[in-house]
Amino acid sequence: MPNYHYAPTRKGNREFWTRQVQAYHLSGLSQKEFCQKNDLIYSSFGYWKRRLESSAKTEGIEFVEIDAAAISDNSAAVTR
């Protein structure tokens, strides 16, 4: 059974799902696997992923996949 640990505010929900989508992109898992592993509702994750990626495109932000194994501890942080 999914764990309902979402924030009670819209802003909190957006921040929560933004972190989840970012973690998904770094995970290398399929959406289904990521949701199962993190106790997320698959349809909710898909909704927020589409919503965030759509709004990111209109704001000129793009999610990109990176190879987490290629990142060393000494890597500089990526900022906007």
N, C-alpha and C. Protein backbone atom coordinates (compact mmCIF):
# COMPACT_ATOMS: atom_id res chain seq x y z
N MET A 1 0.84 -1.18 0.00
CA MET A 1 0.00 0.00 0.00
C MET A 1 0.88 1.24 0.00
N PRO A 2 0.59 2.21 -0.88
CA PRO A 2 1.40 3.42 -0.96
C PRO A 2 1.40 4.21 0.33
N ASN A 3 2.48 4.85 0.60
CA ASN A 3 2.65 5.68 1.77
C ASN A 3 2.25 7.11 1.42
N TYR A 4 1.23 7.64 2.06
CA TYR A 4 0.75 8.98 1.74
C TYR A 4 1.48 9.99 2.61
N HIS A 5 2.59 10.49 2.10
CA HIS A 5 3.41 11.42 2.87
C HIS A 5 3.58 12.74 2.11
N TYR A 6 2.52 13.20 1.51
CA TYR A 6 2.57 14.44 0.75
C TYR A 6 2.36 15.63 1.68
N ALA A 7 2.88 16.76 1.29
CA ALA A 7 2.73 17.97 2.08
C ALA A 7 1.29 18.48 1.98
N PRO A 8 0.79 19.12 3.02
CA PRO A 8 -0.61 19.56 3.02
C PRO A 8 -0.89 20.81 2.19
N THR A 9 0.12 21.47 1.67
CA THR A 9 -0.10 22.68 0.89
C THR A 9 0.25 22.45 -0.57
N ARG A 10 -0.31 23.27 -1.44
CA ARG A 10 0.01 23.14 -2.86
C ARG A 10 1.49 23.35 -3.12
N LYS A 11 2.06 24.36 -2.46
CA LYS A 11 3.49 24.62 -2.63
C LYS A 11 4.30 23.43 -2.13
N GLY A 12 3.89 22.88 -1.01
CA GLY A 12 4.57 21.71 -0.46
C GLY A 12 4.46 20.52 -1.39
N ASN A 13 3.28 20.32 -1.99
CA ASN A 13 3.10 19.22 -2.93
C ASN A 13 4.02 19.40 -4.13
N ARG A 14 4.08 20.60 -4.66
CA ARG A 14 4.93 20.85 -5.83
C ARG A 14 6.39 20.58 -5.49
N GLU A 15 6.84 21.02 -4.33
CA GLU A 15 8.22 20.78 -3.92
C GLU A 15 8.47 19.28 -3.72
N PHE A 16 7.53 18.59 -3.09
CA PHE A 16 7.66 17.15 -2.89
C PHE A 16 7.80 16.44 -4.23
N TRP A 17 6.89 16.73 -5.16
CA TRP A 17 6.91 16.04 -6.44
C TRP A 17 8.10 16.44 -7.29
N THR A 18 8.56 17.68 -7.16
CA THR A 18 9.77 18.09 -7.88
C THR A 18 10.95 17.24 -7.43
N ARG A 19 11.09 17.03 -6.11
CA ARG A 19 12.16 16.18 -5.60
C ARG A 19 12.02 14.74 -6.09
N GLN A 20 10.77 14.24 -6.15
CA GLN A 20 10.55 12.87 -6.61
C GLN A 20 10.92 12.71 -8.08
N VAL A 21 10.53 13.67 -8.90
CA VAL A 21 10.84 13.60 -10.34
C VAL A 21 12.35 13.69 -10.55
N GLN A 22 13.01 14.55 -9.81
CA GLN A 22 14.47 14.65 -9.92
C GLN A 22 15.12 13.34 -9.50
N ALA A 23 14.66 12.76 -8.41
CA ALA A 23 15.21 11.48 -7.94
C ALA A 23 14.95 10.37 -8.96
N TYR A 24 13.79 10.40 -9.58
CA TYR A 24 13.46 9.41 -10.62
C TYR A 24 14.46 9.50 -11.77
N HIS A 25 14.73 10.71 -12.23
CA HIS A 25 15.65 10.90 -13.35
C HIS A 25 17.05 10.38 -13.01
N LEU A 26 17.44 10.47 -11.75
CA LEU A 26 18.75 9.99 -11.34
C LEU A 26 18.79 8.50 -11.05
N SER A 27 17.62 7.90 -10.87
CA SER A 27 17.55 6.52 -10.39
C SER A 27 17.90 5.46 -11.43
N GLY A 28 17.62 5.73 -12.69
CA GLY A 28 17.83 4.73 -13.71
C GLY A 28 16.74 3.66 -13.74
N LEU A 29 15.71 3.84 -12.93
CA LEU A 29 14.60 2.90 -12.88
C LEU A 29 13.49 3.32 -13.83
N SER A 30 12.61 2.37 -14.15
CA SER A 30 11.40 2.74 -14.89
C SER A 30 10.49 3.48 -13.92
N GLN A 31 9.49 4.18 -14.46
CA GLN A 31 8.56 4.90 -13.59
C GLN A 31 7.86 3.94 -12.63
N LYS A 32 7.46 2.80 -13.14
CA LYS A 32 6.75 1.82 -12.31
C LYS A 32 7.66 1.33 -11.18
N GLU A 33 8.90 0.98 -11.52
CA GLU A 33 9.84 0.50 -10.51
C GLU A 33 10.12 1.58 -9.45
N PHE A 34 10.31 2.83 -9.92
CA PHE A 34 10.59 3.93 -9.01
C PHE A 34 9.42 4.12 -8.04
N CYS A 35 8.20 4.09 -8.57
CA CYS A 35 7.03 4.28 -7.71
C CYS A 35 6.89 3.15 -6.70
N GLN A 36 7.11 1.93 -7.13
CA GLN A 36 7.02 0.79 -6.22
C GLN A 36 8.08 0.89 -5.12
N LYS A 37 9.29 1.23 -5.50
CA LYS A 37 10.39 1.32 -4.55
C LYS A 37 10.17 2.44 -3.53
N ASN A 38 9.52 3.52 -3.95
CA ASN A 38 9.35 4.69 -3.10
C ASN A 38 7.93 4.86 -2.57
N ASP A 39 7.12 3.81 -2.70
CA ASP A 39 5.73 3.83 -2.19
C ASP A 39 4.93 5.02 -2.71
N LEU A 40 5.04 5.26 -4.01
CA LEU A 40 4.29 6.35 -4.64
C LEU A 40 3.19 5.78 -5.51
N ILE A 41 2.11 6.51 -5.63
CA ILE A 41 1.02 6.10 -6.51
C ILE A 41 1.45 6.42 -7.94
N TYR A 42 1.48 5.39 -8.78
CA TYR A 42 1.99 5.49 -10.15
C TYR A 42 1.27 6.59 -10.94
N SER A 43 -0.05 6.63 -10.87
CA SER A 43 -0.80 7.63 -11.65
C SER A 43 -0.52 9.04 -11.15
N SER A 44 -0.36 9.22 -9.84
CA SER A 44 -0.03 10.54 -9.29
C SER A 44 1.36 10.97 -9.73
N PHE A 45 2.30 10.02 -9.69
CA PHE A 45 3.65 10.35 -10.14
C PHE A 45 3.65 10.78 -11.60
N GLY A 46 2.94 10.02 -12.44
CA GLY A 46 2.87 10.36 -13.86
C GLY A 46 2.25 11.73 -14.10
N TYR A 47 1.19 12.04 -13.35
CA TYR A 47 0.54 13.34 -13.47
C TYR A 47 1.53 14.46 -13.13
N TRP A 48 2.21 14.35 -11.98
CA TRP A 48 3.13 15.40 -11.57
C TRP A 48 4.36 15.47 -12.46
N LYS A 49 4.83 14.34 -12.94
CA LYS A 49 5.99 14.34 -13.85
C LYS A 49 5.64 15.13 -15.12
N ARG A 50 4.48 14.82 -15.71
CA ARG A 50 4.05 15.56 -16.92
C ARG A 50 3.85 17.04 -16.61
N ARG A 51 3.21 17.33 -15.50
CA ARG A 51 2.93 18.72 -15.13
C ARG A 51 4.21 19.51 -14.92
N LEU A 52 5.14 18.95 -14.17
CA LEU A 52 6.40 19.65 -13.88
C LEU A 52 7.27 19.81 -15.13
N GLU A 53 7.34 18.76 -15.93
CA GLU A 53 8.16 18.85 -17.14
C GLU A 53 7.55 19.81 -18.15
N SER A 54 6.22 19.88 -18.20
CA SER A 54 5.54 20.82 -19.09
C SER A 54 5.79 22.26 -18.64
N SER A 55 5.65 22.52 -17.34
CA SER A 55 5.87 23.88 -16.85
C SER A 55 7.35 24.26 -16.94
N ALA A 56 8.23 23.27 -16.79
CA ALA A 56 9.66 23.55 -16.91
C ALA A 56 10.01 23.99 -18.32
N LYS A 57 9.38 23.36 -19.31
CA LYS A 57 9.64 23.74 -20.71
C LYS A 57 9.18 25.16 -20.98
N THR A 58 8.02 25.56 -20.44
CA THR A 58 7.53 26.91 -20.68
C THR A 58 8.37 27.94 -19.95
N GLU A 59 9.08 27.50 -18.89
CA GLU A 59 9.95 28.41 -18.14
C GLU A 59 11.39 28.33 -18.65
N GLY A 60 11.63 27.52 -19.68
CA GLY A 60 12.97 27.41 -20.22
C GLY A 60 13.88 26.49 -19.44
N ILE A 61 13.29 25.62 -18.61
CA ILE A 61 14.06 24.66 -17.82
C ILE A 61 13.87 23.30 -18.46
N GLU A 62 14.91 22.52 -18.48
CA GLU A 62 14.81 21.18 -19.08
C GLU A 62 15.42 20.15 -18.13
N PHE A 63 14.70 19.05 -17.92
CA PHE A 63 15.25 17.93 -17.16
C PHE A 63 16.12 17.13 -18.11
N VAL A 64 17.27 16.74 -17.65
CA VAL A 64 18.16 15.92 -18.46
C VAL A 64 18.60 14.72 -17.64
N GLU A 65 18.80 13.59 -18.32
CA GLU A 65 19.29 12.40 -17.64
C GLU A 65 20.79 12.49 -17.55
N ILE A 66 21.31 12.12 -16.39
CA ILE A 66 22.76 12.06 -16.22
C ILE A 66 23.12 10.70 -15.65
N ASP A 67 24.33 10.31 -15.87
CA ASP A 67 24.82 9.05 -15.34
C ASP A 67 25.34 9.31 -13.93
N ALA A 68 24.58 8.85 -12.93
CA ALA A 68 24.94 9.11 -11.54
C ALA A 68 26.29 8.50 -11.19
N ALA A 69 26.66 7.40 -11.84
CA ALA A 69 27.94 6.75 -11.57
C ALA A 69 29.11 7.62 -12.04
N ALA A 70 28.86 8.50 -12.99
CA ALA A 70 29.92 9.32 -13.54
C ALA A 70 30.20 10.56 -12.67
N ILE A 71 29.37 10.79 -11.68
CA ILE A 71 29.54 11.96 -10.82
C ILE A 71 30.43 11.59 -9.65
N SER A 72 31.49 12.35 -9.45
CA SER A 72 32.36 12.07 -8.31
C SER A 72 31.97 12.98 -7.16
N ASP A 73 32.47 12.68 -5.98
CA ASP A 73 32.19 13.50 -4.79
C ASP A 73 32.76 14.90 -4.93
N ASN A 74 33.72 15.08 -5.79
CA ASN A 74 34.36 16.38 -5.95
C ASN A 74 33.73 17.20 -7.07
N SER A 75 32.64 16.73 -7.64
CA SER A 75 32.01 17.44 -8.73
C SER A 75 31.40 18.75 -8.23
N ALA A 76 31.46 19.75 -9.07
CA ALA A 76 30.83 21.03 -8.74
C ALA A 76 29.32 20.88 -8.84
N ALA A 77 28.59 21.59 -8.02
CA ALA A 77 27.14 21.55 -8.06
C ALA A 77 26.65 22.26 -9.31
N VAL A 78 25.61 21.71 -9.92
CA VAL A 78 25.01 22.32 -11.09
C VAL A 78 23.93 23.28 -10.61
N THR A 79 24.00 24.51 -11.04
CA THR A 79 22.98 25.50 -10.66
C THR A 79 22.41 26.12 -11.90
N ARG A 80 21.31 26.75 -11.72
CA ARG A 80 20.62 27.40 -12.83
C ARG A 80 21.23 28.71 -13.16
